[in-house]
Amino acid sequence: MTLIDSDPARRGTLRNPLLYSSLALAAVLLSVGWVFFSRWQENREIERRAEEKKAAADRRMVEALGGDRFEILSFYASPGVIRRGETSQLCYAVSNAKKVRLEPQSSPVWPSYSRCVDVSPARDTTYTLTAEDAAGHTKSATLVLIVQ
């Protein structure tokens, strides 16, 4: 009795199961690889869309805050009519300003997208907000705070 089987018919039957299991394993590995690849690709697409949405929202926000324009976005008093001795807030918003002046006003002011200062005038007062950009251009806005 020999250890090596010399019958060719029996050798073929031993090789076929090994061949079939190898092919099945390769198919499973390809399938799993495809699943991982497709999920990775889908996640990249989701991240790309999220980044595009964020960039669009950022562009809208910058534009709402004046974009690259030098501008006084708002200047108002709240409330616009007060009684003698009461306080009102003067609020302003500027875009791309280097300096801001509020007259008459003793409190310091600076460029801001949203800032309010308290005032308490004794009589009707006209306030002037002047903004200056880096090139020296100025823009002004005025409002009258009425004191009853």
N, C-alpha and C. Protein backbone atom coordinates (compact mmCIF):
# COMPACT_ATOMS: atom_id res chain seq x y z
N MET A 1 0.83 -1.16 0.00
CA MET A 1 0.00 0.00 0.00
C MET A 1 0.90 1.24 0.00
N THR A 2 0.59 2.15 -0.90
CA THR A 2 1.39 3.37 -1.02
C THR A 2 0.63 4.56 -0.47
N LEU A 3 1.38 5.57 -0.07
CA LEU A 3 0.76 6.77 0.49
C LEU A 3 0.22 7.68 -0.59
N ILE A 4 0.77 7.61 -1.77
CA ILE A 4 0.32 8.47 -2.86
C ILE A 4 -0.65 7.66 -3.68
N ASP A 5 -1.82 8.23 -3.88
CA ASP A 5 -2.84 7.55 -4.67
C ASP A 5 -2.55 7.83 -6.13
N SER A 6 -2.36 6.78 -6.89
CA SER A 6 -1.99 6.94 -8.28
C SER A 6 -3.20 6.91 -9.21
N ASP A 7 -4.38 6.78 -8.65
CA ASP A 7 -5.58 6.72 -9.48
C ASP A 7 -5.96 8.16 -9.88
N PRO A 8 -5.88 8.51 -11.19
CA PRO A 8 -6.17 9.88 -11.61
C PRO A 8 -7.61 10.29 -11.36
N ALA A 9 -8.54 9.40 -11.36
CA ALA A 9 -9.95 9.75 -11.13
C ALA A 9 -10.15 10.22 -9.70
N ARG A 10 -9.47 9.60 -8.77
CA ARG A 10 -9.61 9.99 -7.37
C ARG A 10 -8.89 11.32 -7.10
N ARG A 11 -7.77 11.56 -7.78
CA ARG A 11 -7.05 12.83 -7.59
C ARG A 11 -7.91 14.01 -8.04
N GLY A 12 -8.65 13.90 -9.10
CA GLY A 12 -9.52 14.96 -9.61
C GLY A 12 -10.63 15.29 -8.64
N THR A 13 -11.17 14.28 -7.96
CA THR A 13 -12.24 14.54 -7.01
C THR A 13 -11.72 15.27 -5.79
N LEU A 14 -10.47 15.10 -5.44
CA LEU A 14 -9.91 15.82 -4.31
C LEU A 14 -9.62 17.28 -4.69
N ARG A 15 -9.23 17.51 -5.90
CA ARG A 15 -8.90 18.87 -6.33
C ARG A 15 -10.17 19.70 -6.54
N ASN A 16 -11.24 19.13 -6.99
CA ASN A 16 -12.46 19.89 -7.26
C ASN A 16 -13.01 20.58 -6.01
N PRO A 17 -13.14 19.89 -4.88
CA PRO A 17 -13.65 20.60 -3.70
C PRO A 17 -12.74 21.75 -3.29
N LEU A 18 -11.43 21.58 -3.41
CA LEU A 18 -10.51 22.65 -3.07
C LEU A 18 -10.67 23.82 -4.05
N LEU A 19 -10.84 23.51 -5.32
CA LEU A 19 -11.05 24.54 -6.33
C LEU A 19 -12.35 25.28 -6.08
N TYR A 20 -13.42 24.55 -5.79
CA TYR A 20 -14.73 25.18 -5.55
C TYR A 20 -14.72 26.04 -4.29
N SER A 21 -14.09 25.56 -3.24
CA SER A 21 -14.05 26.36 -2.01
C SER A 21 -13.19 27.61 -2.20
N SER A 22 -12.13 27.50 -3.00
CA SER A 22 -11.30 28.67 -3.29
C SER A 22 -12.09 29.70 -4.09
N LEU A 23 -12.84 29.24 -5.07
CA LEU A 23 -13.67 30.15 -5.86
C LEU A 23 -14.75 30.81 -5.00
N ALA A 24 -15.36 30.02 -4.11
CA ALA A 24 -16.40 30.56 -3.22
C ALA A 24 -15.80 31.60 -2.28
N LEU A 25 -14.62 31.32 -1.74
CA LEU A 25 -13.95 32.28 -0.86
C LEU A 25 -13.61 33.56 -1.61
N ALA A 26 -13.13 33.44 -2.85
CA ALA A 26 -12.82 34.61 -3.66
C ALA A 26 -14.08 35.44 -3.93
N ALA A 27 -15.21 34.76 -4.21
CA ALA A 27 -16.47 35.48 -4.44
C ALA A 27 -16.92 36.21 -3.19
N VAL A 28 -16.80 35.57 -2.04
CA VAL A 28 -17.18 36.22 -0.77
C VAL A 28 -16.29 37.43 -0.51
N LEU A 29 -14.98 37.27 -0.72
CA LEU A 29 -14.06 38.39 -0.49
C LEU A 29 -14.35 39.55 -1.44
N LEU A 30 -14.64 39.24 -2.70
CA LEU A 30 -15.01 40.30 -3.64
C LEU A 30 -16.30 41.00 -3.22
N SER A 31 -17.27 40.23 -2.75
CA SER A 31 -18.54 40.80 -2.32
C SER A 31 -18.34 41.72 -1.11
N VAL A 32 -17.60 41.25 -0.13
CA VAL A 32 -17.34 42.05 1.07
C VAL A 32 -16.54 43.30 0.70
N GLY A 33 -15.55 43.13 -0.18
CA GLY A 33 -14.77 44.28 -0.63
C GLY A 33 -15.64 45.31 -1.33
N TRP A 34 -16.56 44.86 -2.15
CA TRP A 34 -17.46 45.77 -2.85
C TRP A 34 -18.36 46.52 -1.87
N VAL A 35 -18.85 45.83 -0.85
CA VAL A 35 -19.70 46.47 0.15
C VAL A 35 -18.91 47.57 0.87
N PHE A 36 -17.69 47.26 1.31
CA PHE A 36 -16.88 48.26 1.99
C PHE A 36 -16.57 49.45 1.07
N PHE A 37 -16.21 49.18 -0.16
CA PHE A 37 -15.89 50.24 -1.10
C PHE A 37 -17.11 51.13 -1.37
N SER A 38 -18.26 50.52 -1.60
CA SER A 38 -19.45 51.30 -1.92
C SER A 38 -19.88 52.15 -0.72
N ARG A 39 -19.74 51.62 0.49
CA ARG A 39 -20.08 52.41 1.68
C ARG A 39 -19.09 53.56 1.87
N TRP A 40 -17.82 53.31 1.63
CA TRP A 40 -16.81 54.36 1.73
C TRP A 40 -17.10 55.46 0.72
N GLN A 41 -17.43 55.05 -0.50
CA GLN A 41 -17.73 56.03 -1.55
C GLN A 41 -18.99 56.82 -1.21
N GLU A 42 -20.01 56.17 -0.66
CA GLU A 42 -21.24 56.85 -0.27
C GLU A 42 -20.98 57.85 0.85
N ASN A 43 -20.15 57.48 1.83
CA ASN A 43 -19.81 58.40 2.92
C ASN A 43 -19.05 59.61 2.41
N ARG A 44 -18.15 59.41 1.45
CA ARG A 44 -17.44 60.54 0.86
C ARG A 44 -18.40 61.49 0.18
N GLU A 45 -19.39 60.96 -0.51
CA GLU A 45 -20.38 61.79 -1.21
C GLU A 45 -21.22 62.57 -0.19
N ILE A 46 -21.61 61.93 0.89
CA ILE A 46 -22.38 62.61 1.95
C ILE A 46 -21.55 63.73 2.55
N GLU A 47 -20.28 63.47 2.84
CA GLU A 47 -19.41 64.51 3.40
C GLU A 47 -19.22 65.67 2.42
N ARG A 48 -19.08 65.36 1.13
CA ARG A 48 -18.91 66.40 0.13
C ARG A 48 -20.15 67.30 0.07
N ARG A 49 -21.34 66.68 0.11
CA ARG A 49 -22.58 67.47 0.08
C ARG A 49 -22.70 68.34 1.33
N ALA A 50 -22.32 67.78 2.49
CA ALA A 50 -22.38 68.55 3.74
C ALA A 50 -21.43 69.74 3.68
N GLU A 51 -20.24 69.54 3.12
CA GLU A 51 -19.29 70.65 3.00
C GLU A 51 -19.81 71.72 2.04
N GLU A 52 -20.47 71.31 0.96
CA GLU A 52 -21.05 72.28 0.03
C GLU A 52 -22.16 73.08 0.70
N LYS A 53 -23.00 72.42 1.50
CA LYS A 53 -24.07 73.12 2.22
C LYS A 53 -23.49 74.12 3.21
N LYS A 54 -22.44 73.71 3.93
CA LYS A 54 -21.81 74.61 4.90
C LYS A 54 -21.19 75.80 4.19
N ALA A 55 -20.52 75.56 3.08
CA ALA A 55 -19.91 76.67 2.33
C ALA A 55 -20.98 77.64 1.83
N ALA A 56 -22.11 77.11 1.36
CA ALA A 56 -23.20 77.97 0.89
C ALA A 56 -23.78 78.78 2.06
N ALA A 57 -23.94 78.14 3.21
CA ALA A 57 -24.45 78.86 4.39
C ALA A 57 -23.46 79.93 4.82
N ASP A 58 -22.17 79.62 4.78
CA ASP A 58 -21.15 80.61 5.14
C ASP A 58 -21.18 81.80 4.18
N ARG A 59 -21.34 81.52 2.88
CA ARG A 59 -21.41 82.62 1.90
C ARG A 59 -22.62 83.50 2.17
N ARG A 60 -23.78 82.88 2.49
CA ARG A 60 -24.99 83.66 2.79
C ARG A 60 -24.77 84.52 4.03
N MET A 61 -24.10 83.97 5.04
CA MET A 61 -23.86 84.72 6.28
C MET A 61 -22.93 85.91 6.02
N VAL A 62 -21.86 85.67 5.28
CA VAL A 62 -20.94 86.77 4.96
C VAL A 62 -21.66 87.85 4.18
N GLU A 63 -22.49 87.44 3.24
CA GLU A 63 -23.25 88.42 2.44
C GLU A 63 -24.23 89.19 3.32
N ALA A 64 -24.87 88.50 4.27
CA ALA A 64 -25.80 89.17 5.19
C ALA A 64 -25.07 90.17 6.08
N LEU A 65 -23.80 89.90 6.36
CA LEU A 65 -23.02 90.80 7.20
C LEU A 65 -22.26 91.84 6.38
N GLY A 66 -22.65 92.01 5.13
CA GLY A 66 -22.07 93.07 4.32
C GLY A 66 -21.10 92.59 3.27
N GLY A 67 -20.74 91.33 3.31
CA GLY A 67 -19.82 90.80 2.30
C GLY A 67 -18.52 91.58 2.28
N ASP A 68 -18.07 91.95 1.11
CA ASP A 68 -16.85 92.73 1.00
C ASP A 68 -17.14 94.22 0.81
N ARG A 69 -18.42 94.60 1.00
CA ARG A 69 -18.81 96.01 0.86
C ARG A 69 -18.52 96.77 2.16
N PHE A 70 -18.11 98.02 2.03
CA PHE A 70 -17.99 98.93 3.17
C PHE A 70 -19.36 99.59 3.32
N GLU A 71 -20.01 99.35 4.45
CA GLU A 71 -21.38 99.81 4.58
C GLU A 71 -21.80 99.93 6.04
N ILE A 72 -22.71 100.87 6.30
CA ILE A 72 -23.41 100.90 7.59
C ILE A 72 -24.66 100.06 7.38
N LEU A 73 -24.72 98.93 8.03
CA LEU A 73 -25.82 97.99 7.83
C LEU A 73 -27.08 98.42 8.59
N SER A 74 -26.90 98.97 9.79
CA SER A 74 -28.06 99.46 10.54
C SER A 74 -27.60 100.48 11.57
N PHE A 75 -28.54 101.37 11.93
CA PHE A 75 -28.31 102.36 12.97
C PHE A 75 -29.69 102.78 13.46
N TYR A 76 -30.01 102.46 14.71
CA TYR A 76 -31.35 102.73 15.24
C TYR A 76 -31.30 102.90 16.76
N ALA A 77 -32.38 103.49 17.30
CA ALA A 77 -32.52 103.65 18.75
C ALA A 77 -33.66 102.77 19.22
N SER A 78 -33.47 102.17 20.39
CA SER A 78 -34.51 101.31 20.95
C SER A 78 -34.65 101.60 22.44
N PRO A 79 -35.70 102.21 22.87
CA PRO A 79 -36.81 102.78 22.11
C PRO A 79 -36.39 104.11 21.48
N GLY A 80 -37.16 104.53 20.49
CA GLY A 80 -36.86 105.76 19.77
C GLY A 80 -37.39 107.00 20.45
N VAL A 81 -38.28 106.83 21.43
CA VAL A 81 -38.84 107.94 22.20
C VAL A 81 -38.74 107.55 23.68
N ILE A 82 -38.13 108.46 24.49
CA ILE A 82 -37.99 108.17 25.93
C ILE A 82 -38.45 109.37 26.74
N ARG A 83 -38.65 109.17 28.03
CA ARG A 83 -38.94 110.26 28.96
C ARG A 83 -37.61 110.75 29.55
N ARG A 84 -37.61 111.99 29.99
CA ARG A 84 -36.40 112.56 30.58
C ARG A 84 -35.94 111.67 31.74
N GLY A 85 -34.63 111.32 31.74
CA GLY A 85 -34.07 110.46 32.79
C GLY A 85 -34.04 108.98 32.41
N GLU A 86 -34.79 108.57 31.39
CA GLU A 86 -34.77 107.18 30.95
C GLU A 86 -33.58 106.92 30.03
N THR A 87 -33.34 105.65 29.75
CA THR A 87 -32.22 105.24 28.91
C THR A 87 -32.73 104.58 27.65
N SER A 88 -32.04 104.84 26.57
CA SER A 88 -32.31 104.19 25.29
C SER A 88 -31.02 103.54 24.82
N GLN A 89 -31.14 102.60 23.92
CA GLN A 89 -29.95 101.99 23.34
C GLN A 89 -29.81 102.43 21.89
N LEU A 90 -28.63 102.91 21.54
CA LEU A 90 -28.30 103.19 20.15
C LEU A 90 -27.56 101.97 19.64
N CYS A 91 -28.11 101.35 18.61
CA CYS A 91 -27.53 100.12 18.08
C CYS A 91 -27.06 100.35 16.65
N TYR A 92 -25.95 99.73 16.31
CA TYR A 92 -25.41 99.90 14.97
C TYR A 92 -24.75 98.61 14.51
N ALA A 93 -24.60 98.51 13.20
CA ALA A 93 -23.88 97.40 12.58
C ALA A 93 -23.18 97.96 11.35
N VAL A 94 -21.88 97.66 11.24
CA VAL A 94 -21.11 98.12 10.08
C VAL A 94 -20.35 96.93 9.50
N SER A 95 -20.05 97.02 8.21
CA SER A 95 -19.24 95.98 7.59
C SER A 95 -18.00 96.60 6.97
N ASN A 96 -16.88 95.94 7.17
CA ASN A 96 -15.59 96.33 6.61
C ASN A 96 -15.16 97.74 6.99
N ALA A 97 -15.50 98.16 8.20
CA ALA A 97 -15.07 99.46 8.69
C ALA A 97 -13.82 99.30 9.54
N LYS A 98 -12.95 100.29 9.50
CA LYS A 98 -11.74 100.28 10.31
C LYS A 98 -11.95 101.07 11.60
N LYS A 99 -12.72 102.17 11.50
CA LYS A 99 -13.01 103.03 12.66
C LYS A 99 -14.50 103.38 12.65
N VAL A 100 -15.03 103.62 13.84
CA VAL A 100 -16.42 104.05 13.99
C VAL A 100 -16.46 105.16 15.03
N ARG A 101 -17.23 106.20 14.75
CA ARG A 101 -17.43 107.33 15.67
C ARG A 101 -18.91 107.54 15.88
N LEU A 102 -19.32 107.80 17.10
CA LEU A 102 -20.71 108.12 17.41
C LEU A 102 -20.70 109.46 18.13
N GLU A 103 -21.42 110.43 17.58
CA GLU A 103 -21.43 111.77 18.15
C GLU A 103 -22.86 112.22 18.40
N PRO A 104 -23.19 112.88 19.46
CA PRO A 104 -22.36 113.03 20.65
C PRO A 104 -22.44 111.76 21.50
N GLN A 105 -21.33 111.28 21.96
CA GLN A 105 -21.30 110.07 22.78
C GLN A 105 -19.98 110.01 23.51
N SER A 106 -20.04 109.71 24.81
CA SER A 106 -18.81 109.62 25.59
C SER A 106 -18.30 108.18 25.69
N SER A 107 -19.17 107.20 25.48
CA SER A 107 -18.73 105.80 25.55
C SER A 107 -17.95 105.44 24.30
N PRO A 108 -16.92 104.60 24.44
CA PRO A 108 -16.16 104.21 23.25
C PRO A 108 -16.98 103.29 22.34
N VAL A 109 -16.77 103.41 21.04
CA VAL A 109 -17.43 102.55 20.06
C VAL A 109 -16.35 102.01 19.12
N TRP A 110 -16.65 100.92 18.48
CA TRP A 110 -15.71 100.28 17.55
C TRP A 110 -16.49 99.53 16.48
N PRO A 111 -15.83 99.15 15.40
CA PRO A 111 -16.53 98.41 14.34
C PRO A 111 -17.10 97.10 14.87
N SER A 112 -18.35 96.87 14.50
CA SER A 112 -19.02 95.66 14.97
C SER A 112 -20.18 95.33 14.04
N TYR A 113 -20.53 94.06 13.98
CA TYR A 113 -21.70 93.64 13.20
C TYR A 113 -22.98 93.81 14.02
N SER A 114 -22.82 93.97 15.33
CA SER A 114 -23.99 94.17 16.18
C SER A 114 -23.52 94.71 17.53
N ARG A 115 -23.78 95.98 17.77
CA ARG A 115 -23.36 96.61 19.03
C ARG A 115 -24.36 97.66 19.42
N CYS A 116 -24.61 97.77 20.72
CA CYS A 116 -25.51 98.79 21.25
C CYS A 116 -24.82 99.51 22.40
N VAL A 117 -25.08 100.81 22.51
CA VAL A 117 -24.58 101.61 23.64
C VAL A 117 -25.76 102.32 24.28
N ASP A 118 -25.69 102.46 25.60
CA ASP A 118 -26.75 103.14 26.34
C ASP A 118 -26.55 104.65 26.29
N VAL A 119 -27.65 105.38 26.11
CA VAL A 119 -27.63 106.84 26.13
C VAL A 119 -28.82 107.32 26.96
N SER A 120 -28.64 108.47 27.56
CA SER A 120 -29.71 109.05 28.36
C SER A 120 -29.68 110.57 28.21
N PRO A 121 -30.12 111.07 27.06
CA PRO A 121 -30.07 112.52 26.82
C PRO A 121 -31.16 113.25 27.61
N ALA A 122 -30.92 114.53 27.88
CA ALA A 122 -31.89 115.35 28.61
C ALA A 122 -32.92 115.97 27.67
N ARG A 123 -32.60 116.07 26.38
CA ARG A 123 -33.52 116.67 25.40
C ARG A 123 -33.36 115.94 24.07
N ASP A 124 -34.23 116.26 23.10
CA ASP A 124 -34.12 115.65 21.78
C ASP A 124 -32.68 115.79 21.28
N THR A 125 -32.13 114.70 20.79
CA THR A 125 -30.72 114.71 20.37
C THR A 125 -30.58 114.01 19.03
N THR A 126 -29.80 114.61 18.16
CA THR A 126 -29.47 113.99 16.87
C THR A 126 -28.11 113.31 17.02
N TYR A 127 -28.09 112.01 16.77
CA TYR A 127 -26.86 111.22 16.84
C TYR A 127 -26.38 110.94 15.43
N THR A 128 -25.07 110.98 15.26
CA THR A 128 -24.46 110.68 13.96
C THR A 128 -23.45 109.56 14.14
N LEU A 129 -23.61 108.52 13.34
CA LEU A 129 -22.66 107.42 13.30
C LEU A 129 -21.82 107.59 12.05
N THR A 130 -20.51 107.65 12.21
CA THR A 130 -19.61 107.78 11.08
C THR A 130 -18.67 106.58 11.08
N ALA A 131 -18.62 105.89 9.93
CA ALA A 131 -17.73 104.74 9.78
C ALA A 131 -16.68 105.07 8.74
N GLU A 132 -15.47 104.59 8.96
CA GLU A 132 -14.36 104.83 8.03
C GLU A 132 -13.71 103.49 7.69
N ASP A 133 -13.43 103.28 6.39
CA ASP A 133 -12.76 102.04 6.00
C ASP A 133 -11.24 102.24 5.95
N ALA A 134 -10.52 101.20 5.58
CA ALA A 134 -9.05 101.25 5.57
C ALA A 134 -8.51 102.23 4.55
N ALA A 135 -9.28 102.50 3.49
CA ALA A 135 -8.83 103.43 2.46
C ALA A 135 -9.15 104.89 2.80
N GLY A 136 -9.81 105.13 3.93
CA GLY A 136 -10.14 106.49 4.34
C GLY A 136 -11.51 106.97 3.90
N HIS A 137 -12.28 106.14 3.21
CA HIS A 137 -13.64 106.50 2.80
C HIS A 137 -14.53 106.50 4.04
N THR A 138 -15.50 107.42 4.07
CA THR A 138 -16.41 107.48 5.22
C THR A 138 -17.85 107.39 4.75
N LYS A 139 -18.67 106.89 5.66
CA LYS A 139 -20.13 106.87 5.47
C LYS A 139 -20.74 107.27 6.79
N SER A 140 -21.88 107.98 6.72
CA SER A 140 -22.54 108.45 7.93
C SER A 140 -24.02 108.13 7.90
N ALA A 141 -24.56 108.01 9.09
CA ALA A 141 -26.01 107.84 9.26
C ALA A 141 -26.40 108.64 10.50
N THR A 142 -27.61 109.20 10.47
CA THR A 142 -28.09 109.98 11.62
C THR A 142 -29.44 109.47 12.08
N LEU A 143 -29.72 109.75 13.34
CA LEU A 143 -31.06 109.47 13.89
C LEU A 143 -31.34 110.48 14.98
N VAL A 144 -32.61 110.71 15.23
CA VAL A 144 -33.02 111.64 16.29
C VAL A 144 -33.70 110.83 17.37
N LEU A 145 -33.18 110.98 18.61
CA LEU A 145 -33.79 110.35 19.77
C LEU A 145 -34.65 111.42 20.44
N ILE A 146 -35.95 111.15 20.54
CA ILE A 146 -36.90 112.14 21.07
C ILE A 146 -37.06 111.92 22.58
N VAL A 147 -36.95 113.02 23.34
CA VAL A 147 -37.13 113.00 24.80
C VAL A 147 -38.39 113.79 25.11
N GLN A 148 -39.32 113.17 25.80
CA GLN A 148 -40.60 113.84 26.15
C GLN A 148 -40.55 114.39 27.54
